[in-house]
Amino acid sequence: MSNKKLIPLLLYILFLLVPIYWLLNMSFKSNTEILGSLTLWPQDFTFHNYKVIFTDPSWYTGYLNSLYYVSLNTVISLCVALPAAYAFSRYRFLGDKHLFFWLLTNRMAPPAVFLLPFFQLYSSIGLFDTHIAVALAHCLFNVPLAVWILEGFMSGVPKEIDETAYIDGYSFPKFFAKIFIPLIGSGIGVTAFFCFMFSWVELLLARTLTSVNAKPIAAVMTRTVSASGIDWGVLAAAGVLTILPGMLVIWFVRNHVAKGFALGRV
């Protein structure tokens, strides 16, 4: 790549990294320094903001709640989407294309459309302010996405593999678990990544369907607004820690994601 083409790319990357650096920079500053003069790095370096998050139960429980329902949603979405995607990939039935399109329309619809029905339903059956409530609500947009991605991967696997396995005496559960799932491992990794990320960043449903016991970190971050103003340092530290789970997920599934973008419907 020539230098003329490399310079715009470097400038673009720098432009993307500036907000992240500034967030990290603010997390090590006091509110006095943040609200004072502009500084490119902390003049009075402090870990106080992170100490507040790790020692205050109302802060770190927000992270635990978010990780709990996001992980639960990812598992549920995969368990539901795998057989559904296999059916769309291998069989043709009446209304299959219409059903597939209907699933995608659920992903296209904004969460606010389903907010009131979910709130009233969960309040009636006692699921309000529980982790499973948020996990099931997020299935509304994660399951269609998972089905759509996995169907693309499964359609790339020849049907002859299924037929050969049945001839060799494999039952469907055994074939699906031991042969088929390893073949679409990259697709499962990509799907898990997107389900995790979409559930992690969703705020409206998570905030409305919880109050105390399952309150997510994104909702807890609004606690920094008070009569005395905004605690910018703690808010920045919380933002940095909110980015870390996504980075860890990307690190663990990076190989699958790379293959998924090359081979699957991503």
C-alpha atoms as a PDB file:
ATOM      1  CA  MET A   1       0.000   0.000   0.000  1.00  0.00           C
ATOM      2  CA  SER A   2       1.411   3.372  -1.011  1.00  0.00           C
ATOM      3  CA  ASN A   3       1.961   6.178   1.489  1.00  0.00           C
ATOM      4  CA  LYS A   4      -0.767   8.288  -0.146  1.00  0.00           C
ATOM      5  CA  LYS A   5      -3.336   5.569   0.537  1.00  0.00           C
ATOM      6  CA  LEU A   6      -1.953   4.791   3.992  1.00  0.00           C
ATOM      7  CA  ILE A   7      -2.233   8.342   5.367  1.00  0.00           C
ATOM      8  CA  PRO A   8      -6.055   8.629   5.023  1.00  0.00           C
ATOM      9  CA  LEU A   9      -6.430   5.197   6.622  1.00  0.00           C
ATOM     10  CA  LEU A  10      -4.249   6.196   9.588  1.00  0.00           C
ATOM     11  CA  LEU A  11      -6.172   9.448   9.995  1.00  0.00           C
ATOM     12  CA  TYR A  12      -9.460   7.537   9.973  1.00  0.00           C
ATOM     13  CA  ILE A  13      -8.210   5.073  12.616  1.00  0.00           C
ATOM     14  CA  LEU A  14      -6.953   7.977  14.725  1.00  0.00           C
ATOM     15  CA  PHE A  15     -10.330   9.672  14.418  1.00  0.00           C
ATOM     16  CA  LEU A  16     -12.044   6.501  15.691  1.00  0.00           C
ATOM     17  CA  LEU A  17      -9.636   6.059  18.609  1.00  0.00           C
ATOM     18  CA  VAL A  18      -9.766   9.634  19.908  1.00  0.00           C
ATOM     19  CA  PRO A  19     -13.110   9.202  21.785  1.00  0.00           C
ATOM     20  CA  ILE A  20     -11.890   5.976  23.392  1.00  0.00           C
ATOM     21  CA  TYR A  21      -8.616   7.606  24.460  1.00  0.00           C
ATOM     22  CA  TRP A  22     -10.465  10.620  25.813  1.00  0.00           C
ATOM     23  CA  LEU A  23     -12.790   8.378  27.832  1.00  0.00           C
ATOM     24  CA  LEU A  24      -9.790   6.527  29.267  1.00  0.00           C
ATOM     25  CA  ASN A  25      -8.046   9.838  29.929  1.00  0.00           C
ATOM     26  CA  MET A  26     -11.035  11.215  31.849  1.00  0.00           C
ATOM     27  CA  SER A  27     -11.352   8.045  33.939  1.00  0.00           C
ATOM     28  CA  PHE A  28      -8.008   8.802  35.627  1.00  0.00           C
ATOM     29  CA  LYS A  29      -8.838  12.447  36.362  1.00  0.00           C
ATOM     30  CA  SER A  30     -10.671  14.143  39.194  1.00  0.00           C
ATOM     31  CA  ASN A  31     -13.825  16.116  38.459  1.00  0.00           C
ATOM     32  CA  THR A  32     -11.953  19.331  39.234  1.00  0.00           C
ATOM     33  CA  GLU A  33      -9.391  18.640  36.527  1.00  0.00           C
ATOM     34  CA  ILE A  34     -12.034  17.463  34.050  1.00  0.00           C
ATOM     35  CA  LEU A  35     -14.059  20.631  34.474  1.00  0.00           C
ATOM     36  CA  GLY A  36     -10.939  22.803  34.504  1.00  0.00           C
ATOM     37  CA  SER A  37      -8.476  23.438  31.707  1.00  0.00           C
ATOM     38  CA  LEU A  38      -8.074  21.089  28.738  1.00  0.00           C
ATOM     39  CA  THR A  39      -5.328  18.491  29.339  1.00  0.00           C
ATOM     40  CA  LEU A  40      -4.239  15.711  26.996  1.00  0.00           C
ATOM     41  CA  TRP A  41      -3.307  13.411  29.904  1.00  0.00           C
ATOM     42  CA  PRO A  42      -4.067  13.355  33.642  1.00  0.00           C
ATOM     43  CA  GLN A  43      -2.073  15.942  35.582  1.00  0.00           C
ATOM     44  CA  ASP A  44      -3.185  14.465  38.913  1.00  0.00           C
ATOM     45  CA  PHE A  45      -3.408  10.742  38.150  1.00  0.00           C
ATOM     46  CA  THR A  46      -5.949   8.909  40.339  1.00  0.00           C
ATOM     47  CA  PHE A  47      -7.622   5.489  40.619  1.00  0.00           C
ATOM     48  CA  HIS A  48     -10.398   6.886  42.788  1.00  0.00           C
ATOM     49  CA  ASN A  49     -13.027   6.573  40.073  1.00  0.00           C
ATOM     50  CA  TYR A  50     -12.349   2.861  39.581  1.00  0.00           C
ATOM     51  CA  LYS A  51     -12.213   2.333  43.348  1.00  0.00           C
ATOM     52  CA  VAL A  52     -15.739   3.720  43.631  1.00  0.00           C
ATOM     53  CA  ILE A  53     -17.033   1.228  41.055  1.00  0.00           C
ATOM     54  CA  PHE A  54     -15.291  -1.824  42.543  1.00  0.00           C
ATOM     55  CA  THR A  55     -16.228  -1.028  46.161  1.00  0.00           C
ATOM     56  CA  ASP A  56     -19.796   0.245  45.739  1.00  0.00           C
ATOM     57  CA  PRO A  57     -22.235  -2.714  45.399  1.00  0.00           C
ATOM     58  CA  SER A  58     -24.703  -0.592  43.462  1.00  0.00           C
ATOM     59  CA  TRP A  59     -22.044  -0.183  40.765  1.00  0.00           C
ATOM     60  CA  TYR A  60     -20.440  -3.604  40.393  1.00  0.00           C
ATOM     61  CA  THR A  61     -23.747  -5.453  40.703  1.00  0.00           C
ATOM     62  CA  GLY A  62     -24.837  -3.560  37.590  1.00  0.00           C
ATOM     63  CA  TYR A  63     -22.017  -5.216  35.650  1.00  0.00           C
ATOM     64  CA  LEU A  64     -22.859  -8.630  37.102  1.00  0.00           C
ATOM     65  CA  ASN A  65     -26.527  -8.198  36.203  1.00  0.00           C
ATOM     66  CA  SER A  66     -25.670  -7.198  32.643  1.00  0.00           C
ATOM     67  CA  LEU A  67     -23.252 -10.094  32.167  1.00  0.00           C
ATOM     68  CA  TYR A  68     -25.800 -12.519  33.604  1.00  0.00           C
ATOM     69  CA  TYR A  69     -28.749 -11.676  31.374  1.00  0.00           C
ATOM     70  CA  VAL A  70     -26.588 -11.094  28.276  1.00  0.00           C
ATOM     71  CA  SER A  71     -24.922 -14.513  28.642  1.00  0.00           C
ATOM     72  CA  LEU A  72     -28.301 -16.106  29.309  1.00  0.00           C
ATOM     73  CA  ASN A  73     -29.772 -14.461  26.235  1.00  0.00           C
ATOM     74  CA  THR A  74     -26.869 -15.615  24.059  1.00  0.00           C
ATOM     75  CA  VAL A  75     -27.326 -19.226  25.156  1.00  0.00           C
ATOM     76  CA  ILE A  76     -31.109 -19.141  24.680  1.00  0.00           C
ATOM     77  CA  SER A  77     -30.816 -17.468  21.276  1.00  0.00           C
ATOM     78  CA  LEU A  78     -28.343 -20.078  20.029  1.00  0.00           C
ATOM     79  CA  CYS A  79     -30.384 -23.000  21.375  1.00  0.00           C
ATOM     80  CA  VAL A  80     -33.511 -21.715  19.630  1.00  0.00           C
ATOM     81  CA  ALA A  81     -31.848 -20.531  16.425  1.00  0.00           C
ATOM     82  CA  LEU A  82     -29.813 -23.670  15.657  1.00  0.00           C
ATOM     83  CA  PRO A  83     -32.757 -26.030  14.984  1.00  0.00           C
ATOM     84  CA  ALA A  84     -34.781 -23.213  13.380  1.00  0.00           C
ATOM     85  CA  ALA A  85     -31.955 -22.316  11.006  1.00  0.00           C
ATOM     86  CA  TYR A  86     -31.466 -26.003  10.159  1.00  0.00           C
ATOM     87  CA  ALA A  87     -35.139 -26.303   9.245  1.00  0.00           C
ATOM     88  CA  PHE A  88     -34.990 -23.234   6.983  1.00  0.00           C
ATOM     89  CA  SER A  89     -31.768 -24.506   5.421  1.00  0.00           C
ATOM     90  CA  ARG A  90     -32.727 -28.114   4.753  1.00  0.00           C
ATOM     91  CA  TYR A  91     -36.500 -28.182   4.262  1.00  0.00           C
ATOM     92  CA  ARG A  92     -39.076 -26.445   2.121  1.00  0.00           C
ATOM     93  CA  PHE A  93     -42.545 -26.039   3.620  1.00  0.00           C
ATOM     94  CA  LEU A  94     -45.637 -23.908   3.110  1.00  0.00           C
ATOM     95  CA  GLY A  95     -44.939 -20.297   4.030  1.00  0.00           C
ATOM     96  CA  ASP A  96     -41.256 -20.833   4.806  1.00  0.00           C
ATOM     97  CA  LYS A  97     -40.117 -17.668   3.025  1.00  0.00           C
ATOM     98  CA  HIS A  98     -42.895 -15.604   4.597  1.00  0.00           C
ATOM     99  CA  LEU A  99     -42.021 -16.927   8.047  1.00  0.00           C
ATOM    100  CA  PHE A 100     -38.349 -16.183   7.466  1.00  0.00           C
ATOM    101  CA  PHE A 101     -39.188 -12.634   6.415  1.00  0.00           C
ATOM    102  CA  TRP A 102     -41.453 -12.205   9.453  1.00  0.00           C
ATOM    103  CA  LEU A 103     -38.575 -13.165  11.719  1.00  0.00           C
ATOM    104  CA  LEU A 104     -36.415 -10.482  10.143  1.00  0.00           C
ATOM    105  CA  THR A 105     -39.136  -7.851  10.587  1.00  0.00           C
ATOM    106  CA  ASN A 106     -38.903  -8.440  14.343  1.00  0.00           C
ATOM    107  CA  ARG A 107     -35.237  -7.491  14.106  1.00  0.00           C
ATOM    108  CA  MET A 108     -36.079  -4.394  12.089  1.00  0.00           C
ATOM    109  CA  ALA A 109     -38.715  -3.139  14.540  1.00  0.00           C
ATOM    110  CA  PRO A 110     -37.508  -0.729  17.258  1.00  0.00           C
ATOM    111  CA  PRO A 111     -37.598  -2.135  20.829  1.00  0.00           C
ATOM    112  CA  ALA A 112     -39.922   0.700  21.909  1.00  0.00           C
ATOM    113  CA  VAL A 113     -42.731  -0.917  19.897  1.00  0.00           C
ATOM    114  CA  PHE A 114     -42.722  -3.967  22.208  1.00  0.00           C
ATOM    115  CA  LEU A 115     -41.932  -2.120  25.425  1.00  0.00           C
ATOM    116  CA  LEU A 116     -45.473  -1.752  26.792  1.00  0.00           C
ATOM    117  CA  PRO A 117     -46.593  -5.348  26.004  1.00  0.00           C
ATOM    118  CA  PHE A 118     -43.476  -6.770  27.659  1.00  0.00           C
ATOM    119  CA  PHE A 119     -43.865  -4.526  30.703  1.00  0.00           C
ATOM    120  CA  GLN A 120     -47.516  -5.444  31.253  1.00  0.00           C
ATOM    121  CA  LEU A 121     -46.953  -9.154  30.595  1.00  0.00           C
ATOM    122  CA  TYR A 122     -43.956  -9.505  32.893  1.00  0.00           C
ATOM    123  CA  SER A 123     -45.639  -7.469  35.634  1.00  0.00           C
ATOM    124  CA  SER A 124     -48.662  -9.782  35.459  1.00  0.00           C
ATOM    125  CA  ILE A 125     -46.747 -13.064  35.687  1.00  0.00           C
ATOM    126  CA  GLY A 126     -44.119 -11.932  38.205  1.00  0.00           C
ATOM    127  CA  LEU A 127     -41.098 -11.748  35.911  1.00  0.00           C
ATOM    128  CA  PHE A 128     -40.554  -8.004  36.271  1.00  0.00           C
ATOM    129  CA  ASP A 129     -37.081  -7.069  37.570  1.00  0.00           C
ATOM    130  CA  THR A 130     -35.572 -10.498  36.840  1.00  0.00           C
ATOM    131  CA  HIS A 131     -32.650 -11.489  34.637  1.00  0.00           C
ATOM    132  CA  ILE A 132     -34.694 -13.997  32.672  1.00  0.00           C
ATOM    133  CA  ALA A 133     -37.186 -11.255  31.768  1.00  0.00           C
ATOM    134  CA  VAL A 134     -34.534  -9.166  30.023  1.00  0.00           C
ATOM    135  CA  ALA A 135     -32.920 -12.236  28.453  1.00  0.00           C
ATOM    136  CA  LEU A 136     -36.251 -13.363  26.955  1.00  0.00           C
ATOM    137  CA  ALA A 137     -37.116  -9.836  25.799  1.00  0.00           C
ATOM    138  CA  HIS A 138     -33.799  -9.564  23.956  1.00  0.00           C
ATOM    139  CA  CYS A 139     -34.574 -12.827  22.170  1.00  0.00           C
ATOM    140  CA  LEU A 140     -37.096 -10.775  20.199  1.00  0.00           C
ATOM    141  CA  PHE A 141     -34.327  -9.262  18.077  1.00  0.00           C
ATOM    142  CA  ASN A 142     -31.455 -11.697  18.676  1.00  0.00           C
ATOM    143  CA  VAL A 143     -33.185 -14.929  17.638  1.00  0.00           C
ATOM    144  CA  PRO A 144     -34.110 -13.610  14.143  1.00  0.00           C
ATOM    145  CA  LEU A 145     -30.556 -12.349  13.697  1.00  0.00           C
ATOM    146  CA  ALA A 146     -29.130 -15.687  14.836  1.00  0.00           C
ATOM    147  CA  VAL A 147     -31.439 -17.649  12.510  1.00  0.00           C
ATOM    148  CA  TRP A 148     -30.514 -15.437   9.566  1.00  0.00           C
ATOM    149  CA  ILE A 149     -26.751 -15.781  10.138  1.00  0.00           C
ATOM    150  CA  LEU A 150     -26.795 -19.511  10.886  1.00  0.00           C
ATOM    151  CA  GLU A 151     -29.037 -20.304   7.922  1.00  0.00           C
ATOM    152  CA  GLY A 152     -26.402 -18.819   5.633  1.00  0.00           C
ATOM    153  CA  PHE A 153     -23.687 -21.019   7.122  1.00  0.00           C
ATOM    154  CA  MET A 154     -25.842 -24.153   7.091  1.00  0.00           C
ATOM    155  CA  SER A 155     -26.827 -23.640   3.464  1.00  0.00           C
ATOM    156  CA  GLY A 156     -23.125 -23.751   2.627  1.00  0.00           C
ATOM    157  CA  VAL A 157     -22.831 -27.299   4.021  1.00  0.00           C
ATOM    158  CA  PRO A 158     -23.741 -29.899   1.352  1.00  0.00           C
ATOM    159  CA  LYS A 159     -26.861 -31.949   2.072  1.00  0.00           C
ATOM    160  CA  GLU A 160     -24.930 -35.073   1.095  1.00  0.00           C
ATOM    161  CA  ILE A 161     -23.182 -34.910   4.479  1.00  0.00           C
ATOM    162  CA  ASP A 162     -26.541 -35.331   6.226  1.00  0.00           C
ATOM    163  CA  GLU A 163     -27.497 -38.272   4.014  1.00  0.00           C
ATOM    164  CA  THR A 164     -24.121 -39.986   4.471  1.00  0.00           C
ATOM    165  CA  ALA A 165     -24.390 -39.685   8.252  1.00  0.00           C
ATOM    166  CA  TYR A 166     -27.870 -41.252   8.248  1.00  0.00           C
ATOM    167  CA  ILE A 167     -26.624 -44.128   6.073  1.00  0.00           C
ATOM    168  CA  ASP A 168     -23.780 -44.682   8.572  1.00  0.00           C
ATOM    169  CA  GLY A 169     -26.341 -45.102  11.342  1.00  0.00           C
ATOM    170  CA  TYR A 170     -26.193 -41.701  13.013  1.00  0.00           C
ATOM    171  CA  SER A 171     -29.352 -40.520  14.720  1.00  0.00           C
ATOM    172  CA  PHE A 172     -30.268 -36.890  14.116  1.00  0.00           C
ATOM    173  CA  PRO A 173     -29.200 -35.631  17.590  1.00  0.00           C
ATOM    174  CA  LYS A 174     -25.877 -37.476  17.320  1.00  0.00           C
ATOM    175  CA  PHE A 175     -25.266 -36.238  13.769  1.00  0.00           C
ATOM    176  CA  PHE A 176     -26.217 -32.681  14.682  1.00  0.00           C
ATOM    177  CA  ALA A 177     -23.974 -32.565  17.772  1.00  0.00           C
ATOM    178  CA  LYS A 178     -20.910 -34.461  16.527  1.00  0.00           C
ATOM    179  CA  ILE A 179     -20.781 -33.683  12.812  1.00  0.00           C
ATOM    180  CA  PHE A 180     -22.923 -30.723  11.825  1.00  0.00           C
ATOM    181  CA  ILE A 181     -22.173 -28.282  14.659  1.00  0.00           C
ATOM    182  CA  PRO A 182     -18.360 -28.585  14.247  1.00  0.00           C
ATOM    183  CA  LEU A 183     -18.802 -27.825  10.535  1.00  0.00           C
ATOM    184  CA  ILE A 184     -20.542 -24.533  11.321  1.00  0.00           C
ATOM    185  CA  GLY A 185     -18.387 -23.655  14.329  1.00  0.00           C
ATOM    186  CA  SER A 186     -17.369 -20.338  12.792  1.00  0.00           C
ATOM    187  CA  GLY A 187     -21.004 -19.447  12.210  1.00  0.00           C
ATOM    188  CA  ILE A 188     -21.868 -20.203  15.831  1.00  0.00           C
ATOM    189  CA  GLY A 189     -18.956 -18.039  16.985  1.00  0.00           C
ATOM    190  CA  VAL A 190     -20.076 -15.143  14.800  1.00  0.00           C
ATOM    191  CA  THR A 191     -23.688 -15.519  15.945  1.00  0.00           C
ATOM    192  CA  ALA A 192     -22.699 -15.622  19.613  1.00  0.00           C
ATOM    193  CA  PHE A 193     -20.635 -12.463  19.113  1.00  0.00           C
ATOM    194  CA  PHE A 194     -23.496 -10.493  17.563  1.00  0.00           C
ATOM    195  CA  CYS A 195     -26.055 -11.756  20.088  1.00  0.00           C
ATOM    196  CA  PHE A 196     -23.784 -10.779  22.961  1.00  0.00           C
ATOM    197  CA  MET A 197     -23.028  -7.330  21.580  1.00  0.00           C
ATOM    198  CA  PHE A 198     -26.628  -6.429  20.648  1.00  0.00           C
ATOM    199  CA  SER A 199     -27.895  -7.552  24.044  1.00  0.00           C
ATOM    200  CA  TRP A 200     -25.049  -5.781  25.869  1.00  0.00           C
ATOM    201  CA  VAL A 201     -25.672  -2.370  24.286  1.00  0.00           C
ATOM    202  CA  GLU A 202     -29.492  -2.475  24.420  1.00  0.00           C
ATOM    203  CA  LEU A 203     -30.789  -0.070  27.080  1.00  0.00           C
ATOM    204  CA  LEU A 204     -34.492   0.657  26.628  1.00  0.00           C
ATOM    205  CA  LEU A 205     -35.900  -2.814  27.362  1.00  0.00           C
ATOM    206  CA  ALA A 206     -33.252  -3.610  29.980  1.00  0.00           C
ATOM    207  CA  ARG A 207     -33.923  -0.405  31.883  1.00  0.00           C
ATOM    208  CA  THR A 208     -37.719  -0.538  31.699  1.00  0.00           C
ATOM    209  CA  LEU A 209     -38.082  -4.210  32.655  1.00  0.00           C
ATOM    210  CA  THR A 210     -35.846  -3.889  35.734  1.00  0.00           C
ATOM    211  CA  SER A 211     -35.795  -1.705  38.814  1.00  0.00           C
ATOM    212  CA  VAL A 212     -33.402  -2.964  41.519  1.00  0.00           C
ATOM    213  CA  ASN A 213     -32.468  -6.657  41.481  1.00  0.00           C
ATOM    214  CA  ALA A 214     -31.565  -6.950  37.781  1.00  0.00           C
ATOM    215  CA  LYS A 215     -30.689  -3.337  36.967  1.00  0.00           C
ATOM    216  CA  PRO A 216     -28.041  -3.216  34.182  1.00  0.00           C
ATOM    217  CA  ILE A 217     -24.905  -1.108  34.247  1.00  0.00           C
ATOM    218  CA  ALA A 218     -26.191   1.248  31.551  1.00  0.00           C
ATOM    219  CA  ALA A 219     -29.080   2.191  33.848  1.00  0.00           C
ATOM    220  CA  VAL A 220     -26.806   2.435  36.893  1.00  0.00           C
ATOM    221  CA  MET A 221     -24.649   4.961  35.039  1.00  0.00           C
ATOM    222  CA  THR A 222     -27.501   7.477  35.236  1.00  0.00           C
ATOM    223  CA  ARG A 223     -26.870   7.617  39.001  1.00  0.00           C
ATOM    224  CA  THR A 224     -23.955   9.962  38.366  1.00  0.00           C
ATOM    225  CA  VAL A 225     -26.462  12.762  37.710  1.00  0.00           C
ATOM    226  CA  SER A 226     -27.391  14.469  40.985  1.00  0.00           C
ATOM    227  CA  ALA A 227     -28.163  17.864  42.448  1.00  0.00           C
ATOM    228  CA  SER A 228     -24.440  18.553  42.787  1.00  0.00           C
ATOM    229  CA  GLY A 229     -23.867  17.845  39.088  1.00  0.00           C
ATOM    230  CA  ILE A 230     -22.425  14.934  37.105  1.00  0.00           C
ATOM    231  CA  ASP A 231     -19.622  12.776  38.479  1.00  0.00           C
ATOM    232  CA  TRP A 232     -17.694  12.779  35.204  1.00  0.00           C
ATOM    233  CA  GLY A 233     -14.730  10.742  36.463  1.00  0.00           C
ATOM    234  CA  VAL A 234     -16.804   7.824  37.740  1.00  0.00           C
ATOM    235  CA  LEU A 235     -18.976   7.956  34.632  1.00  0.00           C
ATOM    236  CA  ALA A 236     -15.864   7.756  32.413  1.00  0.00           C
ATOM    237  CA  ALA A 237     -14.463   4.840  34.436  1.00  0.00           C
ATOM    238  CA  ALA A 238     -17.789   3.023  34.126  1.00  0.00           C
ATOM    239  CA  GLY A 239     -17.702   3.625  30.377  1.00  0.00           C
ATOM    240  CA  VAL A 240     -14.218   2.130  30.090  1.00  0.00           C
ATOM    241  CA  LEU A 241     -15.261  -0.955  32.048  1.00  0.00           C
ATOM    242  CA  THR A 242     -18.374  -1.278  29.877  1.00  0.00           C
ATOM    243  CA  ILE A 243     -16.195  -1.539  26.763  1.00  0.00           C
ATOM    244  CA  LEU A 244     -14.015  -4.335  28.193  1.00  0.00           C
ATOM    245  CA  PRO A 245     -16.524  -7.258  27.936  1.00  0.00           C
ATOM    246  CA  GLY A 246     -17.030  -6.548  24.240  1.00  0.00           C
ATOM    247  CA  MET A 247     -13.278  -6.471  23.691  1.00  0.00           C
ATOM    248  CA  LEU A 248     -12.883  -9.802  25.493  1.00  0.00           C
ATOM    249  CA  VAL A 249     -15.640 -11.401  23.411  1.00  0.00           C
ATOM    250  CA  ILE A 250     -13.992 -10.147  20.216  1.00  0.00           C
ATOM    251  CA  TRP A 251     -10.640 -11.573  21.388  1.00  0.00           C
ATOM    252  CA  PHE A 252     -12.028 -15.051  22.070  1.00  0.00           C
ATOM    253  CA  VAL A 253     -14.048 -15.341  18.848  1.00  0.00           C
ATOM    254  CA  ARG A 254     -11.725 -13.334  16.596  1.00  0.00           C
ATOM    255  CA  ASN A 255     -10.834 -16.341  14.416  1.00  0.00           C
ATOM    256  CA  HIS A 256     -14.478 -17.345  14.029  1.00  0.00           C
ATOM    257  CA  VAL A 257     -15.488 -13.772  13.217  1.00  0.00           C
ATOM    258  CA  ALA A 258     -12.809 -13.531  10.517  1.00  0.00           C
ATOM    259  CA  LYS A 259     -14.036 -16.760   8.908  1.00  0.00           C
ATOM    260  CA  GLY A 260     -17.631 -15.695   9.327  1.00  0.00           C
ATOM    261  CA  PHE A 261     -17.162 -12.461   7.454  1.00  0.00           C
ATOM    262  CA  ALA A 262     -15.443 -14.394   4.668  1.00  0.00           C
ATOM    263  CA  LEU A 263     -17.805 -17.346   4.398  1.00  0.00           C
ATOM    264  CA  GLY A 264     -21.124 -16.656   6.066  1.00  0.00           C
ATOM    265  CA  ARG A 265     -24.051 -14.328   5.778  1.00  0.00           C
ATOM    266  CA  VAL A 266     -22.473 -11.480   7.774  1.00  0.00           C
END
